[in-house]
Amino acid sequence: MDIANDEILVIAQIETMKAVNNIEEIVAVEDVDATFIDPSDLSASMGYRGQFWHPEVVKAMDKVLEACKGSRVAPGIAFGRGPAHCGELIEQGYRFIAVGSDTGFIRAGVNATLSQLKR
């Protein structure tokens, strides 16, 4: 049990403005190791469904990032829009980035297979 407690990674998902507004308290929790922003869910909860990089959504994400920088909690984010954008996110201070989704990878694999079969 001691090993499990030492090895478990606790990540707080930041998907609502309630979480953004309470981010300082969230990163102050002793056992929270990281945060993970999902711009899709966050933008939808803010009334900007599908507008992941709307200025108000970015402002909320920046608040989370700054709170993490001032703590020992690692900031993470979903949906880097390709290698250049992932580089920008790393420069901003994000420490882990989801570069795709399960459905996106499955779709890409199926499309590649179908393309080969059509030849």
PDB file of N, CA and C in Angstrom:
ATOM      1  N   MET A   1       0.817  -1.186   0.000  1.00  0.00           N
ATOM      2  CA  MET A   1       0.000   0.000   0.000  1.00  0.00           C
ATOM      3  C   MET A   1       0.867   1.259   0.000  1.00  0.00           C
ATOM      4  N   ASP A   2       1.975   1.240   0.727  1.00  0.00           N
ATOM      5  CA  ASP A   2       2.867   2.397   0.746  1.00  0.00           C
ATOM      6  C   ASP A   2       3.419   2.685  -0.653  1.00  0.00           C
ATOM      7  N   ILE A   3       3.800   1.628  -1.366  1.00  0.00           N
ATOM      8  CA  ILE A   3       4.324   1.802  -2.723  1.00  0.00           C
ATOM      9  C   ILE A   3       3.238   2.384  -3.624  1.00  0.00           C
ATOM     10  N   ALA A   4       2.031   1.845  -3.527  1.00  0.00           N
ATOM     11  CA  ALA A   4       0.933   2.354  -4.342  1.00  0.00           C
ATOM     12  C   ALA A   4       0.691   3.831  -4.049  1.00  0.00           C
ATOM     13  N   ASN A   5       0.689   4.221  -2.794  1.00  0.00           N
ATOM     14  CA  ASN A   5       0.471   5.619  -2.442  1.00  0.00           C
ATOM     15  C   ASN A   5       1.573   6.516  -2.996  1.00  0.00           C
ATOM     16  N   ASP A   6       2.799   6.017  -3.004  1.00  0.00           N
ATOM     17  CA  ASP A   6       3.917   6.803  -3.525  1.00  0.00           C
ATOM     18  C   ASP A   6       3.909   6.886  -5.047  1.00  0.00           C
ATOM     19  N   GLU A   7       3.374   5.874  -5.705  1.00  0.00           N
ATOM     20  CA  GLU A   7       3.446   5.779  -7.156  1.00  0.00           C
ATOM     21  C   GLU A   7       2.229   6.325  -7.893  1.00  0.00           C
ATOM     22  N   ILE A   8       1.116   6.538  -7.222  1.00  0.00           N
ATOM     23  CA  ILE A   8      -0.112   6.996  -7.884  1.00  0.00           C
ATOM     24  C   ILE A   8       0.009   8.472  -8.231  1.00  0.00           C
ATOM     25  N   LEU A   9      -0.333   8.790  -9.460  1.00  0.00           N
ATOM     26  CA  LEU A   9      -0.315  10.161  -9.949  1.00  0.00           C
ATOM     27  C   LEU A   9      -1.734  10.716  -9.854  1.00  0.00           C
ATOM     28  N   VAL A  10      -1.901  11.835  -9.180  1.00  0.00           N
ATOM     29  CA  VAL A  10      -3.213  12.459  -9.029  1.00  0.00           C
ATOM     30  C   VAL A  10      -3.259  13.687  -9.930  1.00  0.00           C
ATOM     31  N   ILE A  11      -4.170  13.644 -10.902  1.00  0.00           N
ATOM     32  CA  ILE A  11      -4.314  14.742 -11.862  1.00  0.00           C
ATOM     33  C   ILE A  11      -5.726  15.311 -11.738  1.00  0.00           C
ATOM     34  N   ALA A  12      -5.814  16.604 -11.482  1.00  0.00           N
ATOM     35  CA  ALA A  12      -7.107  17.283 -11.414  1.00  0.00           C
ATOM     36  C   ALA A  12      -7.473  17.772 -12.807  1.00  0.00           C
ATOM     37  N   GLN A  13      -8.606  17.300 -13.316  1.00  0.00           N
ATOM     38  CA  GLN A  13      -9.067  17.747 -14.624  1.00  0.00           C
ATOM     39  C   GLN A  13      -9.769  19.086 -14.464  1.00  0.00           C
ATOM     40  N   ILE A  14      -9.346  20.056 -15.270  1.00  0.00           N
ATOM     41  CA  ILE A  14      -9.889  21.408 -15.219  1.00  0.00           C
ATOM     42  C   ILE A  14     -10.766  21.587 -16.450  1.00  0.00           C
ATOM     43  N   GLU A  15     -12.076  21.437 -16.241  1.00  0.00           N
ATOM     44  CA  GLU A  15     -13.002  21.424 -17.380  1.00  0.00           C
ATOM     45  C   GLU A  15     -14.162  22.404 -17.235  1.00  0.00           C
ATOM     46  N   THR A  16     -14.177  23.173 -16.150  1.00  0.00           N
ATOM     47  CA  THR A  16     -15.257  24.130 -15.926  1.00  0.00           C
ATOM     48  C   THR A  16     -14.686  25.422 -15.355  1.00  0.00           C
ATOM     49  N   MET A  17     -15.457  26.496 -15.448  1.00  0.00           N
ATOM     50  CA  MET A  17     -15.029  27.756 -14.847  1.00  0.00           C
ATOM     51  C   MET A  17     -14.990  27.647 -13.326  1.00  0.00           C
ATOM     52  N   LYS A  18     -15.813  26.783 -12.751  1.00  0.00           N
ATOM     53  CA  LYS A  18     -15.743  26.582 -11.307  1.00  0.00           C
ATOM     54  C   LYS A  18     -14.344  26.096 -10.930  1.00  0.00           C
ATOM     55  N   ALA A  19     -13.805  25.164 -11.700  1.00  0.00           N
ATOM     56  CA  ALA A  19     -12.447  24.678 -11.436  1.00  0.00           C
ATOM     57  C   ALA A  19     -11.423  25.787 -11.663  1.00  0.00           C
ATOM     58  N   VAL A  20     -11.589  26.553 -12.738  1.00  0.00           N
ATOM     59  CA  VAL A  20     -10.659  27.652 -13.028  1.00  0.00           C
ATOM     60  C   VAL A  20     -10.686  28.664 -11.887  1.00  0.00           C
ATOM     61  N   ASN A  21     -11.887  29.012 -11.441  1.00  0.00           N
ATOM     62  CA  ASN A  21     -12.018  30.009 -10.378  1.00  0.00           C
ATOM     63  C   ASN A  21     -11.477  29.524  -9.038  1.00  0.00           C
ATOM     64  N   ASN A  22     -11.332  28.231  -8.879  1.00  0.00           N
ATOM     65  CA  ASN A  22     -10.812  27.653  -7.637  1.00  0.00           C
ATOM     66  C   ASN A  22      -9.427  27.034  -7.820  1.00  0.00           C
ATOM     67  N   ILE A  23      -8.724  27.425  -8.880  1.00  0.00           N
ATOM     68  CA  ILE A  23      -7.473  26.760  -9.219  1.00  0.00           C
ATOM     69  C   ILE A  23      -6.409  26.913  -8.142  1.00  0.00           C
ATOM     70  N   GLU A  24      -6.356  28.056  -7.474  1.00  0.00           N
ATOM     71  CA  GLU A  24      -5.345  28.225  -6.430  1.00  0.00           C
ATOM     72  C   GLU A  24      -5.549  27.210  -5.305  1.00  0.00           C
ATOM     73  N   GLU A  25      -6.798  26.972  -4.945  1.00  0.00           N
ATOM     74  CA  GLU A  25      -7.094  25.985  -3.906  1.00  0.00           C
ATOM     75  C   GLU A  25      -6.793  24.578  -4.395  1.00  0.00           C
ATOM     76  N   ILE A  26      -7.072  24.309  -5.661  1.00  0.00           N
ATOM     77  CA  ILE A  26      -6.830  22.974  -6.217  1.00  0.00           C
ATOM     78  C   ILE A  26      -5.338  22.651  -6.216  1.00  0.00           C
ATOM     79  N   VAL A  27      -4.508  23.588  -6.676  1.00  0.00           N
ATOM     80  CA  VAL A  27      -3.066  23.300  -6.738  1.00  0.00           C
ATOM     81  C   VAL A  27      -2.424  23.297  -5.359  1.00  0.00           C
ATOM     82  N   ALA A  28      -3.137  23.796  -4.366  1.00  0.00           N
ATOM     83  CA  ALA A  28      -2.611  23.785  -2.998  1.00  0.00           C
ATOM     84  C   ALA A  28      -2.859  22.455  -2.285  1.00  0.00           C
ATOM     85  N   VAL A  29      -3.696  21.595  -2.860  1.00  0.00           N
ATOM     86  CA  VAL A  29      -3.965  20.296  -2.248  1.00  0.00           C
ATOM     87  C   VAL A  29      -2.693  19.454  -2.319  1.00  0.00           C
ATOM     88  N   GLU A  30      -2.261  18.954  -1.185  1.00  0.00           N
ATOM     89  CA  GLU A  30      -0.968  18.274  -1.074  1.00  0.00           C
ATOM     90  C   GLU A  30      -0.793  17.127  -2.060  1.00  0.00           C
ATOM     91  N   ASP A  31      -1.805  16.328  -2.283  1.00  0.00           N
ATOM     92  CA  ASP A  31      -1.650  15.129  -3.097  1.00  0.00           C
ATOM     93  C   ASP A  31      -1.919  15.338  -4.588  1.00  0.00           C
ATOM     94  N   VAL A  32      -2.263  16.546  -5.006  1.00  0.00           N
ATOM     95  CA  VAL A  32      -2.463  16.807  -6.431  1.00  0.00           C
ATOM     96  C   VAL A  32      -1.094  17.000  -7.075  1.00  0.00           C
ATOM     97  N   ASP A  33      -0.807  16.170  -8.092  1.00  0.00           N
ATOM     98  CA  ASP A  33       0.479  16.207  -8.773  1.00  0.00           C
ATOM     99  C   ASP A  33       0.455  17.050 -10.050  1.00  0.00           C
ATOM    100  N   ALA A  34      -0.728  17.129 -10.679  1.00  0.00           N
ATOM    101  CA  ALA A  34      -0.822  17.812 -11.966  1.00  0.00           C
ATOM    102  C   ALA A  34      -2.256  18.271 -12.205  1.00  0.00           C
ATOM    103  N   THR A  35      -2.379  19.206 -13.142  1.00  0.00           N
ATOM    104  CA  THR A  35      -3.702  19.575 -13.656  1.00  0.00           C
ATOM    105  C   THR A  35      -3.725  19.206 -15.127  1.00  0.00           C
ATOM    106  N   PHE A  36      -4.914  19.042 -15.660  1.00  0.00           N
ATOM    107  CA  PHE A  36      -5.063  18.713 -17.068  1.00  0.00           C
ATOM    108  C   PHE A  36      -6.255  19.493 -17.602  1.00  0.00           C
ATOM    109  N   ILE A  37      -5.975  20.425 -18.492  1.00  0.00           N
ATOM    110  CA  ILE A  37      -7.020  21.239 -19.104  1.00  0.00           C
ATOM    111  C   ILE A  37      -7.491  20.552 -20.379  1.00  0.00           C
ATOM    112  N   ASP A  38      -8.792  20.415 -20.506  1.00  0.00           N
ATOM    113  CA  ASP A  38      -9.383  19.940 -21.756  1.00  0.00           C
ATOM    114  C   ASP A  38     -10.089  21.137 -22.392  1.00  0.00           C
ATOM    115  N   PRO A  39      -9.458  21.789 -23.396  1.00  0.00           N
ATOM    116  CA  PRO A  39     -10.077  22.966 -23.999  1.00  0.00           C
ATOM    117  C   PRO A  39     -11.461  22.700 -24.580  1.00  0.00           C
ATOM    118  N   SER A  40     -11.718  21.471 -25.011  1.00  0.00           N
ATOM    119  CA  SER A  40     -13.032  21.130 -25.550  1.00  0.00           C
ATOM    120  C   SER A  40     -14.104  21.257 -24.476  1.00  0.00           C
ATOM    121  N   ASP A  41     -13.903  20.586 -23.359  1.00  0.00           N
ATOM    122  CA  ASP A  41     -14.882  20.647 -22.274  1.00  0.00           C
ATOM    123  C   ASP A  41     -14.932  22.028 -21.636  1.00  0.00           C
ATOM    124  N   LEU A  42     -13.769  22.656 -21.458  1.00  0.00           N
ATOM    125  CA  LEU A  42     -13.734  23.981 -20.846  1.00  0.00           C
ATOM    126  C   LEU A  42     -14.468  24.990 -21.721  1.00  0.00           C
ATOM    127  N   SER A  43     -14.198  24.986 -23.023  1.00  0.00           N
ATOM    128  CA  SER A  43     -14.868  25.940 -23.920  1.00  0.00           C
ATOM    129  C   SER A  43     -16.377  25.724 -23.922  1.00  0.00           C
ATOM    130  N   ALA A  44     -16.806  24.472 -23.907  1.00  0.00           N
ATOM    131  CA  ALA A  44     -18.247  24.183 -23.881  1.00  0.00           C
ATOM    132  C   ALA A  44     -18.880  24.687 -22.591  1.00  0.00           C
ATOM    133  N   SER A  45     -18.194  24.487 -21.467  1.00  0.00           N
ATOM    134  CA  SER A  45     -18.755  24.924 -20.189  1.00  0.00           C
ATOM    135  C   SER A  45     -18.815  26.443 -20.089  1.00  0.00           C
ATOM    136  N   MET A  46     -18.015  27.137 -20.900  1.00  0.00           N
ATOM    137  CA  MET A  46     -17.991  28.595 -20.893  1.00  0.00           C
ATOM    138  C   MET A  46     -18.936  29.197 -21.926  1.00  0.00           C
ATOM    139  N   GLY A  47     -19.623  28.359 -22.691  1.00  0.00           N
ATOM    140  CA  GLY A  47     -20.528  28.856 -23.719  1.00  0.00           C
ATOM    141  C   GLY A  47     -19.868  29.076 -25.068  1.00  0.00           C
ATOM    142  N   TYR A  48     -18.664  28.541 -25.253  1.00  0.00           N
ATOM    143  CA  TYR A  48     -17.928  28.668 -26.510  1.00  0.00           C
ATOM    144  C   TYR A  48     -17.672  27.304 -27.124  1.00  0.00           C
ATOM    145  N   ARG A  49     -18.698  26.467 -27.166  1.00  0.00           N
ATOM    146  CA  ARG A  49     -18.567  25.096 -27.660  1.00  0.00           C
ATOM    147  C   ARG A  49     -17.845  25.062 -29.010  1.00  0.00           C
ATOM    148  N   GLY A  50     -16.783  24.256 -29.052  1.00  0.00           N
ATOM    149  CA  GLY A  50     -16.022  24.088 -30.286  1.00  0.00           C
ATOM    150  C   GLY A  50     -15.007  25.184 -30.561  1.00  0.00           C
ATOM    151  N   GLN A  51     -14.996  26.232 -29.764  1.00  0.00           N
ATOM    152  CA  GLN A  51     -14.058  27.343 -29.943  1.00  0.00           C
ATOM    153  C   GLN A  51     -12.939  27.206 -28.908  1.00  0.00           C
ATOM    154  N   PHE A  52     -12.131  26.170 -29.064  1.00  0.00           N
ATOM    155  CA  PHE A  52     -11.123  25.807 -28.071  1.00  0.00           C
ATOM    156  C   PHE A  52     -10.143  26.936 -27.770  1.00  0.00           C
ATOM    157  N   TRP A  53      -9.880  27.788 -28.751  1.00  0.00           N
ATOM    158  CA  TRP A  53      -8.867  28.827 -28.586  1.00  0.00           C
ATOM    159  C   TRP A  53      -9.501  30.213 -28.602  1.00  0.00           C
ATOM    160  N   HIS A  54     -10.777  30.293 -28.229  1.00  0.00           N
ATOM    161  CA  HIS A  54     -11.443  31.591 -28.071  1.00  0.00           C
ATOM    162  C   HIS A  54     -10.662  32.390 -27.022  1.00  0.00           C
ATOM    163  N   PRO A  55     -10.517  33.707 -27.197  1.00  0.00           N
ATOM    164  CA  PRO A  55      -9.735  34.509 -26.239  1.00  0.00           C
ATOM    165  C   PRO A  55     -10.147  34.324 -24.773  1.00  0.00           C
ATOM    166  N   GLU A  56     -11.420  34.164 -24.492  1.00  0.00           N
ATOM    167  CA  GLU A  56     -11.857  33.967 -23.105  1.00  0.00           C
ATOM    168  C   GLU A  56     -11.445  32.597 -22.569  1.00  0.00           C
ATOM    169  N   VAL A  57     -11.443  31.600 -23.444  1.00  0.00           N
ATOM    170  CA  VAL A  57     -11.005  30.260 -23.048  1.00  0.00           C
ATOM    171  C   VAL A  57      -9.500  30.282 -22.791  1.00  0.00           C
ATOM    172  N   VAL A  58      -8.763  30.925 -23.675  1.00  0.00           N
ATOM    173  CA  VAL A  58      -7.312  31.040 -23.502  1.00  0.00           C
ATOM    174  C   VAL A  58      -6.998  31.782 -22.198  1.00  0.00           C
ATOM    175  N   LYS A  59      -7.756  32.818 -21.903  1.00  0.00           N
ATOM    176  CA  LYS A  59      -7.560  33.566 -20.650  1.00  0.00           C
ATOM    177  C   LYS A  59      -7.742  32.648 -19.439  1.00  0.00           C
ATOM    178  N   ALA A  60      -8.762  31.806 -19.480  1.00  0.00           N
ATOM    179  CA  ALA A  60      -8.999  30.853 -18.387  1.00  0.00           C
ATOM    180  C   ALA A  60      -7.859  29.842 -18.297  1.00  0.00           C
ATOM    181  N   MET A  61      -7.396  29.353 -19.449  1.00  0.00           N
ATOM    182  CA  MET A  61      -6.287  28.393 -19.449  1.00  0.00           C
ATOM    183  C   MET A  61      -5.014  29.039 -18.912  1.00  0.00           C
ATOM    184  N   ASP A  62      -4.798  30.303 -19.262  1.00  0.00           N
ATOM    185  CA  ASP A  62      -3.625  31.020 -18.762  1.00  0.00           C
ATOM    186  C   ASP A  62      -3.661  31.140 -17.238  1.00  0.00           C
ATOM    187  N   LYS A  63      -4.847  31.348 -16.688  1.00  0.00           N
ATOM    188  CA  LYS A  63      -4.983  31.439 -15.227  1.00  0.00           C
ATOM    189  C   LYS A  63      -4.551  30.128 -14.575  1.00  0.00           C
ATOM    190  N   VAL A  64      -4.961  29.021 -15.158  1.00  0.00           N
ATOM    191  CA  VAL A  64      -4.584  27.701 -14.630  1.00  0.00           C
ATOM    192  C   VAL A  64      -3.076  27.505 -14.753  1.00  0.00           C
ATOM    193  N   LEU A  65      -2.531  27.834 -15.912  1.00  0.00           N
ATOM    194  CA  LEU A  65      -1.095  27.678 -16.134  1.00  0.00           C
ATOM    195  C   LEU A  65      -0.295  28.494 -15.124  1.00  0.00           C
ATOM    196  N   GLU A  66      -0.683  29.725 -14.891  1.00  0.00           N
ATOM    197  CA  GLU A  66       0.039  30.583 -13.941  1.00  0.00           C
ATOM    198  C   GLU A  66      -0.055  30.046 -12.515  1.00  0.00           C
ATOM    199  N   ALA A  67      -1.205  29.529 -12.134  1.00  0.00           N
ATOM    200  CA  ALA A  67      -1.345  28.945 -10.792  1.00  0.00           C
ATOM    201  C   ALA A  67      -0.426  27.743 -10.631  1.00  0.00           C
ATOM    202  N   CYS A  68      -0.310  26.941 -11.684  1.00  0.00           N
ATOM    203  CA  CYS A  68       0.581  25.780 -11.625  1.00  0.00           C
ATOM    204  C   CYS A  68       2.038  26.216 -11.542  1.00  0.00           C
ATOM    205  N   LYS A  69       2.412  27.236 -12.300  1.00  0.00           N
ATOM    206  CA  LYS A  69       3.790  27.720 -12.274  1.00  0.00           C
ATOM    207  C   LYS A  69       4.187  28.194 -10.888  1.00  0.00           C
ATOM    208  N   GLY A  70       3.221  28.709 -10.139  1.00  0.00           N
ATOM    209  CA  GLY A  70       3.500  29.185  -8.795  1.00  0.00           C
ATOM    210  C   GLY A  70       3.394  28.106  -7.739  1.00  0.00           C
ATOM    211  N   SER A  71       3.310  26.862  -8.183  1.00  0.00           N
ATOM    212  CA  SER A  71       3.162  25.725  -7.255  1.00  0.00           C
ATOM    213  C   SER A  71       4.095  24.606  -7.699  1.00  0.00           C
ATOM    214  N   ARG A  72       3.935  23.458  -7.081  1.00  0.00           N
ATOM    215  CA  ARG A  72       4.719  22.275  -7.463  1.00  0.00           C
ATOM    216  C   ARG A  72       3.917  21.378  -8.405  1.00  0.00           C
ATOM    217  N   VAL A  73       2.745  21.842  -8.837  1.00  0.00           N
ATOM    218  CA  VAL A  73       1.837  21.055  -9.669  1.00  0.00           C
ATOM    219  C   VAL A  73       2.168  21.261 -11.147  1.00  0.00           C
ATOM    220  N   ALA A  74       2.301  20.151 -11.882  1.00  0.00           N
ATOM    221  CA  ALA A  74       2.631  20.204 -13.308  1.00  0.00           C
ATOM    222  C   ALA A  74       1.381  20.490 -14.139  1.00  0.00           C
ATOM    223  N   PRO A  75       1.435  21.474 -15.037  1.00  0.00           N
ATOM    224  CA  PRO A  75       0.297  21.757 -15.898  1.00  0.00           C
ATOM    225  C   PRO A  75       0.305  20.897 -17.159  1.00  0.00           C
ATOM    226  N   GLY A  76      -0.874  20.397 -17.513  1.00  0.00           N
ATOM    227  CA  GLY A  76      -1.026  19.624 -18.739  1.00  0.00           C
ATOM    228  C   GLY A  76      -2.220  20.123 -19.527  1.00  0.00           C
ATOM    229  N   ILE A  77      -2.255  19.790 -20.802  1.00  0.00           N
ATOM    230  CA  ILE A  77      -3.330  20.265 -21.672  1.00  0.00           C
ATOM    231  C   ILE A  77      -3.592  19.243 -22.770  1.00  0.00           C
ATOM    232  N   ALA A  78      -4.811  19.205 -23.236  1.00  0.00           N
ATOM    233  CA  ALA A  78      -5.200  18.331 -24.348  1.00  0.00           C
ATOM    234  C   ALA A  78      -5.121  19.108 -25.666  1.00  0.00           C
ATOM    235  N   PHE A  79      -4.981  18.366 -26.707  1.00  0.00           N
ATOM    236  CA  PHE A  79      -5.166  18.851 -28.065  1.00  0.00           C
ATOM    237  C   PHE A  79      -4.150  19.860 -28.563  1.00  0.00           C
ATOM    238  N   GLY A  80      -2.886  19.497 -28.511  1.00  0.00           N
ATOM    239  CA  GLY A  80      -1.903  20.273 -29.244  1.00  0.00           C
ATOM    240  C   GLY A  80      -2.236  20.141 -30.726  1.00  0.00           C
ATOM    241  N   ARG A  81      -2.237  21.251 -31.457  1.00  0.00           N
ATOM    242  CA  ARG A  81      -2.664  21.263 -32.861  1.00  0.00           C
ATOM    243  C   ARG A  81      -1.519  20.956 -33.823  1.00  0.00           C
ATOM    244  N   GLY A  82      -0.666  20.056 -33.491  1.00  0.00           N
ATOM    245  CA  GLY A  82       0.459  19.704 -34.347  1.00  0.00           C
ATOM    246  C   GLY A  82       1.773  20.050 -33.674  1.00  0.00           C
ATOM    247  N   PRO A  83       2.880  19.636 -34.293  1.00  0.00           N
ATOM    248  CA  PRO A  83       4.193  19.816 -33.671  1.00  0.00           C
ATOM    249  C   PRO A  83       4.525  21.261 -33.309  1.00  0.00           C
ATOM    250  N   ALA A  84       4.258  22.214 -34.198  1.00  0.00           N
ATOM    251  CA  ALA A  84       4.600  23.618 -33.910  1.00  0.00           C
ATOM    252  C   ALA A  84       3.799  24.134 -32.721  1.00  0.00           C
ATOM    253  N   HIS A  85       2.521  23.826 -32.697  1.00  0.00           N
ATOM    254  CA  HIS A  85       1.679  24.276 -31.582  1.00  0.00           C
ATOM    255  C   HIS A  85       2.104  23.612 -30.284  1.00  0.00           C
ATOM    256  N   CYS A  86       2.445  22.341 -30.333  1.00  0.00           N
ATOM    257  CA  CYS A  86       2.929  21.664 -29.122  1.00  0.00           C
ATOM    258  C   CYS A  86       4.198  22.339 -28.611  1.00  0.00           C
ATOM    259  N   GLY A  87       5.077  22.751 -29.520  1.00  0.00           N
ATOM    260  CA  GLY A  87       6.274  23.484 -29.130  1.00  0.00           C
ATOM    261  C   GLY A  87       5.919  24.784 -28.430  1.00  0.00           C
ATOM    262  N   GLU A  88       4.906  25.483 -28.929  1.00  0.00           N
ATOM    263  CA  GLU A  88       4.453  26.724 -28.294  1.00  0.00           C
ATOM    264  C   GLU A  88       3.915  26.444 -26.892  1.00  0.00           C
ATOM    265  N   LEU A  89       3.145  25.366 -26.761  1.00  0.00           N
ATOM    266  CA  LEU A  89       2.585  25.021 -25.449  1.00  0.00           C
ATOM    267  C   LEU A  89       3.692  24.685 -24.454  1.00  0.00           C
ATOM    268  N   ILE A  90       4.722  23.995 -24.923  1.00  0.00           N
ATOM    269  CA  ILE A  90       5.862  23.669 -24.055  1.00  0.00           C
ATOM    270  C   ILE A  90       6.566  24.959 -23.627  1.00  0.00           C
ATOM    271  N   GLU A  91       6.761  25.868 -24.573  1.00  0.00           N
ATOM    272  CA  GLU A  91       7.402  27.148 -24.249  1.00  0.00           C
ATOM    273  C   GLU A  91       6.578  27.940 -23.231  1.00  0.00           C
ATOM    274  N   GLN A  92       5.255  27.814 -23.311  1.00  0.00           N
ATOM    275  CA  GLN A  92       4.389  28.515 -22.355  1.00  0.00           C
ATOM    276  C   GLN A  92       4.518  27.937 -20.951  1.00  0.00           C
ATOM    277  N   GLY A  93       4.928  26.658 -20.864  1.00  0.00           N
ATOM    278  CA  GLY A  93       5.125  26.052 -19.557  1.00  0.00           C
ATOM    279  C   GLY A  93       4.361  24.764 -19.315  1.00  0.00           C
ATOM    280  N   TYR A  94       3.596  24.299 -20.303  1.00  0.00           N
ATOM    281  CA  TYR A  94       2.897  23.019 -20.124  1.00  0.00           C
ATOM    282  C   TYR A  94       3.924  21.902 -20.084  1.00  0.00           C
ATOM    283  N   ARG A  95       3.709  20.927 -19.209  1.00  0.00           N
ATOM    284  CA  ARG A  95       4.673  19.852 -19.004  1.00  0.00           C
ATOM    285  C   ARG A  95       4.244  18.528 -19.618  1.00  0.00           C
ATOM    286  N   PHE A  96       2.962  18.393 -19.954  1.00  0.00           N
ATOM    287  CA  PHE A  96       2.533  17.234 -20.732  1.00  0.00           C
ATOM    288  C   PHE A  96       1.360  17.652 -21.593  1.00  0.00           C
ATOM    289  N   ILE A  97       1.316  17.091 -22.807  1.00  0.00           N
ATOM    290  CA  ILE A  97       0.345  17.518 -23.807  1.00  0.00           C
ATOM    291  C   ILE A  97      -0.207  16.285 -24.508  1.00  0.00           C
ATOM    292  N   ALA A  98      -1.520  16.182 -24.550  1.00  0.00           N
ATOM    293  CA  ALA A  98      -2.152  15.125 -25.343  1.00  0.00           C
ATOM    294  C   ALA A  98      -2.130  15.592 -26.800  1.00  0.00           C
ATOM    295  N   VAL A  99      -1.559  14.779 -27.666  1.00  0.00           N
ATOM    296  CA  VAL A  99      -1.390  15.193 -29.059  1.00  0.00           C
ATOM    297  C   VAL A  99      -2.434  14.574 -29.978  1.00  0.00           C
ATOM    298  N   GLY A 100      -3.427  13.950 -29.422  1.00  0.00           N
ATOM    299  CA  GLY A 100      -4.486  13.360 -30.215  1.00  0.00           C
ATOM    300  C   GLY A 100      -5.497  12.707 -29.297  1.00  0.00           C
ATOM    301  N   SER A 101      -6.453  12.070 -29.907  1.00  0.00           N
ATOM    302  CA  SER A 101      -7.481  11.372 -29.130  1.00  0.00           C
ATOM    303  C   SER A 101      -7.583   9.934 -29.612  1.00  0.00           C
ATOM    304  N   ASP A 102      -8.188   9.102 -28.802  1.00  0.00           N
ATOM    305  CA  ASP A 102      -8.344   7.712 -29.202  1.00  0.00           C
ATOM    306  C   ASP A 102      -9.123   7.599 -30.504  1.00  0.00           C
ATOM    307  N   THR A 103     -10.213   8.347 -30.625  1.00  0.00           N
ATOM    308  CA  THR A 103     -11.013   8.260 -31.849  1.00  0.00           C
ATOM    309  C   THR A 103     -10.249   8.819 -33.049  1.00  0.00           C
ATOM    310  N   GLY A 104      -9.454   9.858 -32.832  1.00  0.00           N
ATOM    311  CA  GLY A 104      -8.662  10.414 -33.922  1.00  0.00           C
ATOM    312  C   GLY A 104      -7.625   9.436 -34.429  1.00  0.00           C
ATOM    313  N   PHE A 105      -6.941   8.749 -33.506  1.00  0.00           N
ATOM    314  CA  PHE A 105      -5.943   7.764 -33.907  1.00  0.00           C
ATOM    315  C   PHE A 105      -6.596   6.566 -34.588  1.00  0.00           C
ATOM    316  N   ILE A 106      -7.738   6.140 -34.097  1.00  0.00           N
ATOM    317  CA  ILE A 106      -8.459   5.025 -34.729  1.00  0.00           C
ATOM    318  C   ILE A 106      -8.893   5.421 -36.130  1.00  0.00           C
ATOM    319  N   ARG A 107      -9.460   6.635 -36.268  1.00  0.00           N
ATOM    320  CA  ARG A 107      -9.913   7.113 -37.572  1.00  0.00           C
ATOM    321  C   ARG A 107      -8.738   7.168 -38.548  1.00  0.00           C
ATOM    322  N   ALA A 108      -7.601   7.692 -38.112  1.00  0.00           N
ATOM    323  CA  ALA A 108      -6.425   7.784 -38.985  1.00  0.00           C
ATOM    324  C   ALA A 108      -5.954   6.404 -39.411  1.00  0.00           C
ATOM    325  N   GLY A 109      -5.955   5.455 -38.482  1.00  0.00           N
ATOM    326  CA  GLY A 109      -5.542   4.094 -38.808  1.00  0.00           C
ATOM    327  C   GLY A 109      -6.488   3.427 -39.786  1.00  0.00           C
ATOM    328  N   VAL A 110      -7.773   3.608 -39.590  1.00  0.00           N
ATOM    329  CA  VAL A 110      -8.768   3.027 -40.498  1.00  0.00           C
ATOM    330  C   VAL A 110      -8.630   3.656 -41.881  1.00  0.00           C
ATOM    331  N   ASN A 111      -8.493   4.978 -41.933  1.00  0.00           N
ATOM    332  CA  ASN A 111      -8.350   5.646 -43.229  1.00  0.00           C
ATOM    333  C   ASN A 111      -7.091   5.185 -43.956  1.00  0.00           C
ATOM    334  N   ALA A 112      -5.987   5.010 -43.249  1.00  0.00           N
ATOM    335  CA  ALA A 112      -4.754   4.533 -43.872  1.00  0.00           C
ATOM    336  C   ALA A 112      -4.937   3.122 -44.422  1.00  0.00           C
ATOM    337  N   THR A 113      -5.591   2.265 -43.641  1.00  0.00           N
ATOM    338  CA  THR A 113      -5.838   0.895 -44.091  1.00  0.00           C
ATOM    339  C   THR A 113      -6.734   0.881 -45.328  1.00  0.00           C
ATOM    340  N   LEU A 114      -7.816   1.665 -45.296  1.00  0.00           N
ATOM    341  CA  LEU A 114      -8.729   1.712 -46.455  1.00  0.00           C
ATOM    342  C   LEU A 114      -8.021   2.262 -47.684  1.00  0.00           C
ATOM    343  N   SER A 115      -7.162   3.252 -47.525  1.00  0.00           N
ATOM    344  CA  SER A 115      -6.415   3.793 -48.655  1.00  0.00           C
ATOM    345  C   SER A 115      -5.525   2.723 -49.304  1.00  0.00           C
ATOM    346  N   GLN A 116      -4.873   1.908 -48.449  1.00  0.00           N
ATOM    347  CA  GLN A 116      -4.034   0.844 -48.969  1.00  0.00           C
ATOM    348  C   GLN A 116      -4.859  -0.223 -49.681  1.00  0.00           C
ATOM    349  N   LEU A 117      -6.033  -0.540 -49.149  1.00  0.00           N
ATOM    350  CA  LEU A 117      -6.890  -1.564 -49.761  1.00  0.00           C
ATOM    351  C   LEU A 117      -7.450  -1.096 -51.106  1.00  0.00           C
ATOM    352  N   LYS A 118      -7.673   0.198 -51.252  1.00  0.00           N
ATOM    353  CA  LYS A 118      -8.207   0.734 -52.520  1.00  0.00           C
ATOM    354  C   LYS A 118      -7.191   0.649 -53.639  1.00  0.00           C
ATOM    355  N   ARG A 119      -5.905   0.606 -53.281  1.00  0.00           N
ATOM    356  CA  ARG A 119      -4.855   0.534 -54.314  1.00  0.00           C
ATOM    357  C   ARG A 119      -4.912  -0.805 -54.925  1.00  0.00           C
TER     358      ARG A 119
END
